[in-house]
């Protein structure tokens, strides 16, 4: 337990530092370009996010599980090389498809086509997550801290320069791809020093099949999750316009930034239940991640009436009530992510598809019903309702996930305090 706690504390501290720097700069960018252009940027990023999820192929948590079970370095290298080659090939293929669609279609305005492409280049750098999965599985992800911080600080300096010199929407879009690219290259350098070097010769077709079997169901469910998580933004763009999407995106950005903490906690403690999924370990896992999602959410909600006007500007003031609901939805999404990790350990990842489909249907229907009369608040309520159903309530309806529902409910009712107390006692 202490090993996972130490690794998670290092990782959380690093990621929080990076997230804070990136968040402040994104706020300044939003203030600089205004709600309309920020809405355009958010819409294009939503489209690219779906493609990035395809390249990831639902493989991240599967890789953590596989790497954590491989004590032999050669087996780990084979898995690493196989995953890197697969994702690299898929990323190049989808990028070429995006190029053909963007420049062969009249649906996209000419001035926005370069922005689609420059953000689409991030498809080539998804393998950062492959290396991250390896280091997390070995509980040595703190070794990646220098690379991540260096990348963040370099991009932060460039963004400040752009703000000072009146950068364009294209310039700021480029920084998001550059940040991911620099992180991946620096992490590959560090991995090589640790003898985790990708080679074509080590890639193995049989190993790929081993990864794809559980990952395919994860991909399908992850794609559904990404689509329904972006449905509100896509429908706001369609029904209300760029400016309203820009305002709504501020609430989403803040919610996503805060999710870094509980997501990292869930990932750092994942090897614990991967090695031993006994009831006390599993309940502690749900408790710890839920506690780490609720406490920051409450703090952010209390501070949001000051944070949003100060950082983003008065143009985004309507995002404050929306943020309260998106924070609650994010807390439920973490419950769902924790449950998904448990399903992976039990080789039941395919059941996530049904939960995700339920969330997608509910989200689409509620968005169509609630956005016209209630605007941005209607979209936020739709997101909260769909997350509650997909991440929590749906587990009640299948025997294989019902125990997960009970653990989640106990964490909800106790705010995860029992698990936190147990961790502190064992230190």
Protein backbone atom coordinates (compact mmCIF):
# COMPACT_ATOMS: atom_id res chain seq x y z
CA UNK A 1 0.00 0.00 0.00
CA UNK A 2 2.78 2.45 0.93
CA UNK A 3 4.52 1.88 -2.41
CA UNK A 4 1.37 2.83 -4.34
CA UNK A 5 0.75 5.82 -2.05
CA UNK A 6 4.31 7.15 -2.47
CA UNK A 7 4.16 6.78 -6.23
CA UNK A 8 0.74 8.43 -6.43
CA UNK A 9 1.81 11.38 -4.24
CA UNK A 10 4.81 12.09 -6.48
CA UNK A 11 2.69 11.78 -9.60
CA UNK A 12 -0.18 13.87 -8.26
CA UNK A 13 2.19 16.65 -7.13
CA UNK A 14 3.81 16.78 -10.57
CA UNK A 15 0.60 16.60 -12.53
CA UNK A 16 -1.10 19.22 -10.34
CA UNK A 17 1.80 21.59 -10.91
CA UNK A 18 1.61 21.08 -14.65
CA UNK A 19 -2.18 21.29 -14.67
CA UNK A 20 -2.15 24.56 -12.73
CA UNK A 21 0.33 26.14 -15.15
CA UNK A 22 -1.57 24.89 -18.21
CA UNK A 23 -4.94 25.88 -16.74
CA UNK A 24 -3.90 29.47 -16.04
CA UNK A 25 -2.47 29.82 -19.53
CA UNK A 26 -5.55 28.32 -21.19
CA UNK A 27 -7.62 30.82 -19.18
CA UNK A 28 -5.48 33.67 -20.49
CA UNK A 29 -5.80 32.31 -24.02
CA UNK A 30 -9.60 32.15 -23.66
CA UNK A 31 -9.60 35.72 -22.38
CA UNK A 32 -7.35 36.81 -25.24
CA UNK A 33 -9.24 35.25 -28.17
CA UNK A 34 -12.77 35.67 -26.72
CA UNK A 35 -15.69 33.24 -26.29
CA UNK A 36 -16.44 32.81 -30.01
CA UNK A 37 -12.96 31.75 -31.07
CA UNK A 38 -12.50 29.75 -27.88
CA UNK A 39 -15.71 27.93 -28.79
CA UNK A 40 -14.32 27.12 -32.24
CA UNK A 41 -11.12 25.79 -30.66
CA UNK A 42 -13.14 23.67 -28.21
CA UNK A 43 -15.27 22.23 -31.01
CA UNK A 44 -12.27 21.19 -33.13
CA UNK A 45 -10.56 19.69 -30.06
CA UNK A 46 -13.71 17.67 -29.39
CA UNK A 47 -13.53 16.20 -32.89
CA UNK A 48 -9.81 15.42 -32.58
CA UNK A 49 -10.39 13.86 -29.13
CA UNK A 50 -12.56 11.19 -30.74
CA UNK A 51 -9.74 10.36 -33.17
CA UNK A 52 -7.19 10.30 -30.34
CA UNK A 53 -9.35 7.83 -28.47
CA UNK A 54 -9.33 5.60 -31.55
CA UNK A 55 -5.52 5.64 -31.63
CA UNK A 56 -5.37 4.85 -27.90
CA UNK A 57 -7.63 1.86 -28.68
CA UNK A 58 -8.78 1.60 -25.08
CA UNK A 59 -5.40 0.08 -24.29
CA UNK A 60 -4.03 2.27 -21.46
CA UNK A 61 -5.44 0.42 -18.45
CA UNK A 62 -4.99 -2.93 -20.18
CA UNK A 63 -1.30 -2.07 -20.58
CA UNK A 64 -1.01 -1.16 -16.90
CA UNK A 65 -2.45 -4.57 -16.00
CA UNK A 66 -0.19 -6.46 -18.42
CA UNK A 67 2.96 -4.55 -17.45
CA UNK A 68 2.25 -5.03 -13.73
CA UNK A 69 2.12 -8.80 -14.29
CA UNK A 70 5.43 -8.89 -16.22
CA UNK A 71 8.48 -9.02 -13.97
CA UNK A 72 10.74 -10.04 -16.84
CA UNK A 73 12.27 -7.07 -18.68
CA UNK A 74 12.20 -8.78 -22.08
CA UNK A 75 8.47 -9.42 -21.83
CA UNK A 76 7.90 -5.79 -20.88
CA UNK A 77 9.96 -4.61 -23.87
CA UNK A 78 7.99 -6.86 -26.19
CA UNK A 79 4.70 -5.46 -24.90
CA UNK A 80 6.00 -1.89 -25.11
CA UNK A 81 7.29 -2.24 -28.68
CA UNK A 82 4.11 -3.97 -29.82
CA UNK A 83 1.85 -1.25 -28.40
CA UNK A 84 4.04 1.59 -29.71
CA UNK A 85 4.15 0.21 -33.25
CA UNK A 86 0.41 -0.46 -33.30
CA UNK A 87 -0.51 3.02 -32.10
CA UNK A 88 2.03 4.67 -34.37
CA UNK A 89 0.61 2.89 -37.42
CA UNK A 90 -2.97 3.69 -36.45
CA UNK A 91 -2.11 7.33 -35.76
CA UNK A 92 -0.47 7.82 -39.18
CA UNK A 93 -3.43 6.15 -40.90
CA UNK A 94 -6.01 8.35 -39.18
CA UNK A 95 -3.98 11.50 -39.78
CA UNK A 96 -3.89 10.76 -43.53
CA UNK A 97 -7.64 10.15 -43.45
CA UNK A 98 -8.16 13.48 -41.65
CA UNK A 99 -6.06 15.29 -44.27
CA UNK A 100 -8.11 13.82 -47.09
CA UNK A 101 -11.41 14.68 -45.41
CA UNK A 102 -10.51 18.22 -44.35
CA UNK A 103 -9.10 19.34 -47.69
CA UNK A 104 -11.56 17.34 -49.78
CA UNK A 105 -14.67 18.57 -47.99
CA UNK A 106 -16.69 21.77 -48.35
CA UNK A 107 -18.21 21.34 -44.87
CA UNK A 108 -15.24 23.02 -43.16
CA UNK A 109 -14.51 26.72 -43.58
CA UNK A 110 -11.17 27.29 -45.38
CA UNK A 111 -9.65 29.34 -42.55
CA UNK A 112 -10.33 26.52 -40.07
CA UNK A 113 -8.77 23.70 -42.10
CA UNK A 114 -5.16 24.35 -40.95
CA UNK A 115 -6.36 24.28 -37.32
CA UNK A 116 -7.91 20.84 -37.82
CA UNK A 117 -4.63 19.58 -39.24
CA UNK A 118 -2.31 21.11 -36.65
CA UNK A 119 -4.42 19.67 -33.82
CA UNK A 120 -4.70 16.40 -35.74
CA UNK A 121 -0.91 16.04 -35.65
CA UNK A 122 -1.34 15.07 -31.99
CA UNK A 123 -2.44 11.65 -33.31
CA UNK A 124 1.25 10.93 -33.87
CA UNK A 125 2.17 11.40 -30.23
CA UNK A 126 -0.39 9.29 -28.36
CA UNK A 127 2.40 6.84 -27.49
CA UNK A 128 3.29 9.09 -24.58
CA UNK A 129 0.50 7.21 -22.80
CA UNK A 130 2.12 3.87 -23.68
CA UNK A 131 5.30 4.78 -21.81
CA UNK A 132 3.27 6.31 -19.00
CA UNK A 133 1.37 3.02 -18.56
CA UNK A 134 4.67 1.15 -18.26
CA UNK A 135 6.06 3.45 -15.59
CA UNK A 136 2.77 3.51 -13.67
CA UNK A 137 2.58 -0.29 -13.68
CA UNK A 138 6.09 -0.47 -12.21
CA UNK A 139 5.20 2.28 -9.67
CA UNK A 140 8.11 4.41 -10.91
CA UNK A 141 6.17 7.09 -12.76
CA UNK A 142 7.94 9.74 -10.65
CA UNK A 143 10.93 9.21 -12.98
CA UNK A 144 8.95 10.93 -15.73
CA UNK A 145 8.47 14.12 -13.70
CA UNK A 146 11.49 16.01 -15.13
CA UNK A 147 10.38 15.37 -18.72
CA UNK A 148 6.80 16.42 -18.09
CA UNK A 149 7.72 19.58 -16.20
CA UNK A 150 10.31 20.57 -18.80
CA UNK A 151 7.75 20.23 -21.57
CA UNK A 152 5.13 22.21 -19.64
CA UNK A 153 7.50 25.06 -18.81
CA UNK A 154 8.77 25.36 -22.40
CA UNK A 155 5.23 25.47 -23.82
CA UNK A 156 4.16 27.89 -21.08
CA UNK A 157 6.95 30.27 -22.05
CA UNK A 158 5.93 30.06 -25.71
CA UNK A 159 2.26 30.70 -24.89
CA UNK A 160 3.20 33.75 -22.82
CA UNK A 161 5.22 35.01 -25.77
CA UNK A 162 2.21 34.50 -28.07
CA UNK A 163 -0.05 36.38 -25.65
CA UNK A 164 2.42 39.24 -25.58
CA UNK A 165 2.68 39.31 -29.40
CA UNK A 166 -1.03 38.91 -30.19
CA UNK A 167 -0.94 35.27 -31.31
CA UNK A 168 -3.66 33.89 -33.58
CA UNK A 169 -6.04 30.99 -33.05
CA UNK A 170 -3.76 28.81 -35.21
CA UNK A 171 -0.72 29.72 -33.07
CA UNK A 172 -2.44 28.71 -29.86
CA UNK A 173 -3.81 25.50 -31.40
CA UNK A 174 -0.26 24.56 -32.38
CA UNK A 175 0.89 24.79 -28.75
CA UNK A 176 -1.39 21.91 -27.70
CA UNK A 177 0.24 19.59 -30.24
CA UNK A 178 3.74 20.82 -29.42
CA UNK A 179 3.17 20.10 -25.73
CA UNK A 180 2.21 16.48 -26.39
CA UNK A 181 5.04 16.02 -28.90
CA UNK A 182 7.69 17.37 -26.54
CA UNK A 183 6.43 15.18 -23.68
CA UNK A 184 6.58 12.06 -25.79
CA UNK A 185 10.08 12.74 -27.12
CA UNK A 186 11.48 13.52 -23.67
CA UNK A 187 9.83 10.44 -22.15
CA UNK A 188 11.21 8.24 -24.94
CA UNK A 189 14.68 9.58 -24.13
CA UNK A 190 14.27 8.76 -20.43
CA UNK A 191 12.84 5.33 -21.22
CA UNK A 192 15.87 4.57 -23.36
CA UNK A 193 18.15 5.39 -20.41
CA UNK A 194 16.09 2.96 -18.30
CA UNK A 195 16.53 0.27 -20.99
CA UNK A 196 12.89 0.50 -22.10
CA UNK A 197 13.65 1.14 -25.75
CA UNK A 198 11.13 0.60 -28.52
CA UNK A 199 12.42 -1.61 -31.35
CA UNK A 200 10.64 -2.95 -34.41
CA UNK A 201 12.26 -6.34 -33.87
CA UNK A 202 10.68 -6.71 -30.42
CA UNK A 203 7.13 -6.11 -31.68
CA UNK A 204 5.19 -9.35 -31.67
CA UNK A 205 1.96 -10.26 -33.45
CA UNK A 206 0.91 -12.75 -30.79
CA UNK A 207 1.44 -10.14 -28.09
CA UNK A 208 -0.68 -7.70 -30.09
CA UNK A 209 -3.53 -10.20 -30.14
CA UNK A 210 -3.20 -10.56 -26.37
CA UNK A 211 -3.56 -6.78 -26.00
CA UNK A 212 -6.34 -6.36 -28.55
CA UNK A 213 -8.74 -8.94 -27.10
CA UNK A 214 -9.49 -6.96 -23.90
CA UNK A 215 -8.73 -3.59 -25.53
CA UNK A 216 -11.31 -3.91 -28.30
CA UNK A 217 -14.23 -3.88 -25.90
CA UNK A 218 -12.53 -1.04 -24.04
CA UNK A 219 -12.17 0.87 -27.32
CA UNK A 220 -15.84 0.49 -28.18
CA UNK A 221 -16.95 1.60 -24.73
CA UNK A 222 -14.33 4.39 -24.59
CA UNK A 223 -15.45 5.70 -27.96
CA UNK A 224 -19.04 5.74 -26.76
CA UNK A 225 -17.95 7.52 -23.58
CA UNK A 226 -15.98 10.13 -25.52
CA UNK A 227 -18.89 10.71 -27.90
CA UNK A 228 -21.43 11.14 -25.13
CA UNK A 229 -18.95 13.23 -23.10
CA UNK A 230 -18.63 15.56 -26.12
CA UNK A 231 -22.27 15.36 -27.18
CA UNK A 232 -23.22 18.38 -25.11
CA UNK A 233 -20.50 20.50 -26.74
CA UNK A 234 -21.33 19.33 -30.26
CA UNK A 235 -25.03 20.01 -29.73
CA UNK A 236 -24.44 23.43 -28.15
CA UNK A 237 -22.40 24.32 -31.22
CA UNK A 238 -25.26 23.15 -33.46
CA UNK A 239 -28.17 24.61 -31.48
CA UNK A 240 -26.68 27.72 -29.87
CA UNK A 241 -23.43 28.73 -31.61
CA UNK A 242 -19.71 29.30 -31.05
CA UNK A 243 -19.98 31.93 -28.32
CA UNK A 244 -22.18 29.81 -26.05
CA UNK A 245 -19.92 26.83 -26.63
CA UNK A 246 -16.95 28.99 -25.60
CA UNK A 247 -18.65 29.84 -22.30
CA UNK A 248 -19.68 26.23 -21.68
CA UNK A 249 -16.16 25.03 -22.53
CA UNK A 250 -14.75 27.05 -19.63
CA UNK A 251 -16.78 24.94 -17.18
CA UNK A 252 -15.66 21.78 -18.99
CA UNK A 253 -12.00 22.86 -18.93
CA UNK A 254 -12.09 23.49 -15.19
CA UNK A 255 -13.82 20.14 -14.56
CA UNK A 256 -11.31 18.29 -16.73
CA UNK A 257 -8.37 20.03 -15.04
CA UNK A 258 -9.55 19.01 -11.59
CA UNK A 259 -10.05 15.40 -12.77
CA UNK A 260 -6.29 15.02 -13.04
CA UNK A 261 -6.02 14.38 -9.30
CA UNK A 262 -8.55 11.53 -8.88
CA UNK A 263 -7.62 10.03 -12.26
CA UNK A 264 -3.97 9.78 -11.24
CA UNK A 265 -4.92 8.35 -7.86
CA UNK A 266 -7.06 5.72 -9.61
CA UNK A 267 -4.21 4.84 -11.98
CA UNK A 268 -1.52 4.79 -9.30
CA UNK A 269 -3.51 2.43 -7.05
CA UNK A 270 -4.66 0.27 -9.98
CA UNK A 271 -1.71 -2.17 -9.63
CA UNK A 272 -2.89 -2.79 -6.04
CA UNK A 273 -6.20 -4.34 -7.14
CA UNK A 274 -4.59 -5.78 -10.25
CA UNK A 275 -2.41 -7.95 -8.01
CA UNK A 276 -5.06 -8.58 -5.35
CA UNK A 277 -8.72 -7.72 -5.96
CA UNK A 278 -9.94 -8.87 -2.55
CA UNK A 279 -12.95 -7.08 -1.07
CA UNK A 280 -11.01 -4.86 1.37
CA UNK A 281 -8.58 -3.77 -1.36
CA UNK A 282 -11.39 -3.06 -3.80
CA UNK A 283 -13.44 -1.04 -1.30
CA UNK A 284 -10.33 0.93 -0.32
CA UNK A 285 -9.69 1.60 -4.02
CA UNK A 286 -13.20 3.03 -4.51
CA UNK A 287 -12.98 5.04 -1.27
CA UNK A 288 -9.61 6.63 -2.01
CA UNK A 289 -10.47 7.70 -5.56
CA UNK A 290 -13.91 9.02 -4.56
CA UNK A 291 -12.53 11.04 -1.65
CA UNK A 292 -9.89 12.53 -3.94
CA UNK A 293 -12.60 13.55 -6.43
CA UNK A 294 -15.12 15.04 -3.99
CA UNK A 295 -12.83 17.25 -1.89
CA UNK A 296 -11.23 19.16 -4.81
CA UNK A 297 -14.66 19.50 -6.48
CA UNK A 298 -16.12 21.19 -3.40
CA UNK A 299 -13.15 23.57 -3.13
CA UNK A 300 -13.33 24.53 -6.81
CA UNK A 301 -17.10 25.09 -6.60
CA UNK A 302 -16.64 27.43 -3.65
CA UNK A 303 -13.87 29.38 -5.40
CA UNK A 304 -15.41 29.51 -8.89
CA UNK A 305 -17.25 32.88 -8.43
CA UNK A 306 -13.79 34.43 -8.04
CA UNK A 307 -11.71 32.17 -10.30
CA UNK A 308 -13.74 32.54 -13.51
CA UNK A 309 -14.06 36.37 -13.62
CA UNK A 310 -10.45 36.84 -12.50
CA UNK A 311 -8.81 34.42 -14.94
CA UNK A 312 -11.21 34.15 -17.88
CA UNK A 313 -12.92 37.53 -17.72
CA UNK A 314 -16.47 38.80 -17.34
CA UNK A 315 -17.40 37.38 -20.77
CA UNK A 316 -17.42 33.90 -19.21
CA UNK A 317 -19.43 34.67 -16.05
CA UNK A 318 -22.33 32.45 -17.20
CA UNK A 319 -20.05 29.42 -16.82
CA UNK A 320 -20.26 29.57 -12.99
CA UNK A 321 -23.62 27.78 -12.44
CA UNK A 322 -22.75 25.35 -15.25
CA UNK A 323 -19.52 24.47 -13.45
CA UNK A 324 -21.37 23.29 -10.33
CA UNK A 325 -23.12 20.60 -12.37
CA UNK A 326 -20.11 19.60 -14.48
CA UNK A 327 -18.05 19.11 -11.30
CA UNK A 328 -20.71 16.76 -9.93
CA UNK A 329 -20.76 14.90 -13.24
CA UNK A 330 -16.97 14.58 -13.12
CA UNK A 331 -17.12 13.05 -9.64
CA UNK A 332 -19.48 10.37 -10.97
CA UNK A 333 -17.24 9.79 -13.99
CA UNK A 334 -14.38 8.96 -11.62
CA UNK A 335 -16.62 6.40 -9.91
CA UNK A 336 -17.21 4.94 -13.34
CA UNK A 337 -13.50 4.89 -14.21
CA UNK A 338 -12.73 3.11 -10.93
CA UNK A 339 -15.42 0.54 -11.68
CA UNK A 340 -14.00 0.06 -15.19
CA UNK A 341 -10.56 -0.72 -13.76
CA UNK A 342 -12.15 -3.32 -11.49
CA UNK A 343 -13.88 -4.87 -14.52
CA UNK A 344 -10.53 -5.07 -16.33
CA UNK A 345 -9.04 -6.99 -13.42
CA UNK A 346 -12.00 -9.38 -13.50
CA UNK A 347 -11.74 -9.76 -17.31
CA UNK A 348 -15.22 -8.24 -17.65
CA UNK A 349 -14.28 -5.11 -19.59
CA UNK A 350 -16.88 -5.93 -22.28
CA UNK A 351 -19.65 -5.05 -19.80
CA UNK A 352 -18.56 -1.44 -19.93
CA UNK A 353 -20.05 -1.20 -23.41
CA UNK A 354 -23.61 -1.53 -22.06
CA UNK A 355 -23.01 1.16 -19.43
CA UNK A 356 -21.55 3.49 -22.04
CA UNK A 357 -24.44 2.90 -24.46
CA UNK A 358 -26.94 3.72 -21.71
CA UNK A 359 -25.08 6.95 -20.99
CA UNK A 360 -24.95 7.89 -24.67
CA UNK A 361 -28.68 7.38 -25.26
CA UNK A 362 -29.66 9.27 -22.11
CA UNK A 363 -27.27 12.13 -22.89
CA UNK A 364 -28.42 12.61 -26.49
CA UNK A 365 -32.12 12.49 -25.58
CA UNK A 366 -31.77 14.84 -22.63
CA UNK A 367 -29.63 17.31 -24.59
CA UNK A 368 -32.26 17.52 -27.31
CA UNK A 369 -34.99 18.00 -24.69
CA UNK A 370 -33.20 20.38 -22.32
CA UNK A 371 -30.93 22.62 -24.42
CA UNK A 372 -33.71 24.50 -26.31
CA UNK A 373 -35.61 25.60 -23.16
CA UNK A 374 -32.75 25.79 -20.64
CA UNK A 375 -29.64 26.49 -22.73
CA UNK A 376 -26.26 25.75 -21.15
CA UNK A 377 -27.81 24.61 -17.85
CA UNK A 378 -29.91 22.08 -19.76
CA UNK A 379 -26.76 20.62 -21.31
CA UNK A 380 -25.09 20.45 -17.89
CA UNK A 381 -28.07 18.65 -16.31
CA UNK A 382 -28.08 16.18 -19.22
CA UNK A 383 -24.40 15.45 -18.65
CA UNK A 384 -24.88 14.91 -14.92
CA UNK A 385 -27.85 12.58 -15.41
CA UNK A 386 -26.07 10.48 -18.05
CA UNK A 387 -22.92 10.17 -15.91
CA UNK A 388 -24.94 9.03 -12.89
CA UNK A 389 -26.64 6.35 -14.97
CA UNK A 390 -23.61 5.15 -16.93
CA UNK A 391 -21.03 5.30 -14.15
CA UNK A 392 -23.05 4.19 -11.14
CA UNK A 393 -26.71 3.11 -11.46
CA UNK A 394 -26.14 0.81 -14.45
CA UNK A 395 -23.91 -1.44 -12.32
CA UNK A 396 -26.97 -2.45 -10.31
CA UNK A 397 -28.60 -4.24 -13.22
CA UNK A 398 -26.05 -6.99 -13.92
CA UNK A 399 -24.97 -9.63 -11.43
CA UNK A 400 -21.29 -9.32 -12.38
CA UNK A 401 -21.20 -5.58 -11.58
CA UNK A 402 -23.60 -5.44 -8.63
CA UNK A 403 -20.81 -5.73 -6.06
CA UNK A 404 -19.13 -2.80 -7.76
CA UNK A 405 -22.38 -0.84 -7.36
CA UNK A 406 -22.40 -1.59 -3.61
CA UNK A 407 -18.79 -0.45 -3.22
CA UNK A 408 -19.54 2.73 -5.18
CA UNK A 409 -22.65 3.44 -3.08
CA UNK A 410 -20.75 2.99 0.15
CA UNK A 411 -18.07 5.40 -1.10
CA UNK A 412 -20.77 7.91 -2.07
CA UNK A 413 -22.46 7.72 1.34
CA UNK A 414 -19.22 7.92 3.34
CA UNK A 415 -17.33 10.28 0.98
CA UNK A 416 -14.62 7.61 0.89
CA UNK A 417 -13.44 8.44 4.42
CA UNK A 418 -13.06 4.81 5.63
CA UNK A 419 -10.54 4.06 2.89
CA UNK A 420 -8.55 7.22 3.63
CA UNK A 421 -8.47 6.40 7.35
CA UNK A 422 -7.18 2.88 6.62
CA UNK A 423 -4.41 4.25 4.40
CA UNK A 424 -3.30 6.69 7.07
CA UNK A 425 -3.30 3.95 9.73
CA UNK A 426 -1.00 1.76 7.63
CA UNK A 427 1.59 4.48 7.06
